[in-house]
Amino acid sequence: IDFDLILENIKDLNSLFGEGISQIEHTPRGARLRRPEPFPLTLYQNGIVVGHGAFRPYQHPATQQCLQDIMDGYLPSELQPRYPDGV
């Protein structure tokens, strides 16, 4: 696993999806600016935790697909239905 590539691509994805940029949230009384909630991805020596989910070892097929998506420069496919505009 190329951790340097993963970290580099996560930084690129964060900037692509507007890290640190506020978004307009419409309210019943108008609108307000809000910052998107960060989505944690924790890398360990022997696996990952995506969001607030369970620990997943690197040998697990879903973990391998998630990391491959990131190494290819894409938002992990498992997150696309939940975050169609990125996180």
C-alpha atoms as a PDB file:
ATOM      1  CA  ILE A   1       0.000   0.000   0.000  1.00  0.00           C
ATOM      2  CA  ASP A   2       1.407   3.355  -1.057  1.00  0.00           C
ATOM      3  CA  PHE A   3       0.507   5.525   1.942  1.00  0.00           C
ATOM      4  CA  ASP A   4       2.246   8.580   0.471  1.00  0.00           C
ATOM      5  CA  LEU A   5       0.071   8.351  -2.657  1.00  0.00           C
ATOM      6  CA  ILE A   6      -3.058   7.839  -0.550  1.00  0.00           C
ATOM      7  CA  LEU A   7      -2.313  10.920   1.578  1.00  0.00           C
ATOM      8  CA  GLU A   8      -1.462  13.016  -1.483  1.00  0.00           C
ATOM      9  CA  ASN A   9      -4.670  11.992  -3.249  1.00  0.00           C
ATOM     10  CA  ILE A  10      -6.771  12.628  -0.134  1.00  0.00           C
ATOM     11  CA  LYS A  11      -5.384  16.178  -0.033  1.00  0.00           C
ATOM     12  CA  ASP A  12      -6.221  16.595  -3.733  1.00  0.00           C
ATOM     13  CA  LEU A  13      -9.745  15.238  -3.224  1.00  0.00           C
ATOM     14  CA  ASN A  14     -10.286  17.522  -0.229  1.00  0.00           C
ATOM     15  CA  SER A  15      -9.328  20.603  -2.231  1.00  0.00           C
ATOM     16  CA  LEU A  16     -11.418  19.434  -5.196  1.00  0.00           C
ATOM     17  CA  PHE A  17     -14.500  19.125  -2.996  1.00  0.00           C
ATOM     18  CA  GLY A  18     -13.979  22.518  -1.373  1.00  0.00           C
ATOM     19  CA  GLU A  19     -12.232  21.860   1.911  1.00  0.00           C
ATOM     20  CA  GLY A  20     -12.563  24.921   4.122  1.00  0.00           C
ATOM     21  CA  ILE A  21     -15.177  26.549   1.884  1.00  0.00           C
ATOM     22  CA  SER A  22     -18.537  27.396   3.404  1.00  0.00           C
ATOM     23  CA  GLN A  23     -21.743  26.389   1.661  1.00  0.00           C
ATOM     24  CA  ILE A  24     -25.142  28.071   1.616  1.00  0.00           C
ATOM     25  CA  GLU A  25     -27.711  26.272   3.732  1.00  0.00           C
ATOM     26  CA  HIS A  26     -31.305  27.359   3.201  1.00  0.00           C
ATOM     27  CA  THR A  27     -33.381  27.765   6.342  1.00  0.00           C
ATOM     28  CA  PRO A  28     -37.076  28.573   6.862  1.00  0.00           C
ATOM     29  CA  ARG A  29     -36.094  32.165   7.672  1.00  0.00           C
ATOM     30  CA  GLY A  30     -33.522  32.642   4.917  1.00  0.00           C
ATOM     31  CA  ALA A  31     -30.076  31.161   4.533  1.00  0.00           C
ATOM     32  CA  ARG A  32     -26.804  30.822   6.372  1.00  0.00           C
ATOM     33  CA  LEU A  33     -23.269  29.742   5.663  1.00  0.00           C
ATOM     34  CA  ARG A  34     -22.088  26.426   7.031  1.00  0.00           C
ATOM     35  CA  ARG A  35     -18.949  24.406   6.681  1.00  0.00           C
ATOM     36  CA  PRO A  36     -19.371  20.819   5.569  1.00  0.00           C
ATOM     37  CA  GLU A  37     -18.743  18.219   8.255  1.00  0.00           C
ATOM     38  CA  PRO A  38     -15.419  16.437   7.750  1.00  0.00           C
ATOM     39  CA  PHE A  39     -15.517  12.745   6.976  1.00  0.00           C
ATOM     40  CA  PRO A  40     -12.830  10.835   8.872  1.00  0.00           C
ATOM     41  CA  LEU A  41     -10.682   8.166   7.292  1.00  0.00           C
ATOM     42  CA  THR A  42      -8.235   6.671   9.785  1.00  0.00           C
ATOM     43  CA  LEU A  43      -5.278   4.665   8.506  1.00  0.00           C
ATOM     44  CA  TYR A  44      -3.632   2.112  10.780  1.00  0.00           C
ATOM     45  CA  GLN A  45      -0.707  -0.209  10.257  1.00  0.00           C
ATOM     46  CA  ASN A  46      -3.045  -3.154   9.646  1.00  0.00           C
ATOM     47  CA  GLY A  47      -6.304  -1.606   8.425  1.00  0.00           C
ATOM     48  CA  ILE A  48      -8.615   1.409   8.202  1.00  0.00           C
ATOM     49  CA  VAL A  49     -11.730   2.910   9.738  1.00  0.00           C
ATOM     50  CA  VAL A  50     -14.023   4.714   7.286  1.00  0.00           C
ATOM     51  CA  GLY A  51     -16.237   7.320   8.918  1.00  0.00           C
ATOM     52  CA  HIS A  52     -17.372   6.056  12.278  1.00  0.00           C
ATOM     53  CA  GLY A  53     -17.618   2.473  11.056  1.00  0.00           C
ATOM     54  CA  ALA A  54     -15.894  -0.679  12.157  1.00  0.00           C
ATOM     55  CA  PHE A  55     -12.206  -1.423  11.771  1.00  0.00           C
ATOM     56  CA  ARG A  56     -11.489  -3.052   8.412  1.00  0.00           C
ATOM     57  CA  PRO A  57      -8.251  -4.981   7.787  1.00  0.00           C
ATOM     58  CA  TYR A  58      -6.329  -4.290   4.584  1.00  0.00           C
ATOM     59  CA  GLN A  59      -6.997  -7.845   3.398  1.00  0.00           C
ATOM     60  CA  HIS A  60     -10.772  -7.222   3.251  1.00  0.00           C
ATOM     61  CA  PRO A  61     -11.972  -6.770  -0.376  1.00  0.00           C
ATOM     62  CA  ALA A  62     -14.024  -3.653   0.447  1.00  0.00           C
ATOM     63  CA  THR A  63     -10.970  -2.067   2.077  1.00  0.00           C
ATOM     64  CA  GLN A  64      -8.818  -2.871  -0.947  1.00  0.00           C
ATOM     65  CA  GLN A  65     -11.432  -1.322  -3.275  1.00  0.00           C
ATOM     66  CA  CYS A  66     -11.697   1.796  -1.105  1.00  0.00           C
ATOM     67  CA  LEU A  67      -7.938   2.328  -1.087  1.00  0.00           C
ATOM     68  CA  GLN A  68      -7.630   1.564  -4.800  1.00  0.00           C
ATOM     69  CA  ASP A  69     -10.268   4.222  -5.556  1.00  0.00           C
ATOM     70  CA  ILE A  70      -8.281   6.753  -3.521  1.00  0.00           C
ATOM     71  CA  MET A  71      -4.963   5.749  -5.132  1.00  0.00           C
ATOM     72  CA  ASP A  72      -6.650   6.195  -8.539  1.00  0.00           C
ATOM     73  CA  GLY A  73      -7.661   9.727  -7.469  1.00  0.00           C
ATOM     74  CA  TYR A  74     -11.375   9.092  -6.952  1.00  0.00           C
ATOM     75  CA  LEU A  75     -13.811   9.381  -4.087  1.00  0.00           C
ATOM     76  CA  PRO A  76     -14.260   5.804  -2.838  1.00  0.00           C
ATOM     77  CA  SER A  77     -17.178   4.208  -4.667  1.00  0.00           C
ATOM     78  CA  GLU A  78     -18.757   3.137  -1.371  1.00  0.00           C
ATOM     79  CA  LEU A  79     -19.146   6.833  -0.447  1.00  0.00           C
ATOM     80  CA  GLN A  80     -20.523   8.099  -3.760  1.00  0.00           C
ATOM     81  CA  PRO A  81     -24.219   7.269  -3.098  1.00  0.00           C
ATOM     82  CA  ARG A  82     -24.081   8.984   0.302  1.00  0.00           C
ATOM     83  CA  TYR A  83     -21.972  11.952  -0.881  1.00  0.00           C
ATOM     84  CA  PRO A  84     -22.736  12.561  -4.576  1.00  0.00           C
ATOM     85  CA  ASP A  85     -21.011  15.975  -4.410  1.00  0.00           C
ATOM     86  CA  GLY A  86     -18.022  14.690  -2.426  1.00  0.00           C
ATOM     87  CA  VAL A  87     -17.048  15.184   1.213  1.00  0.00           C
END
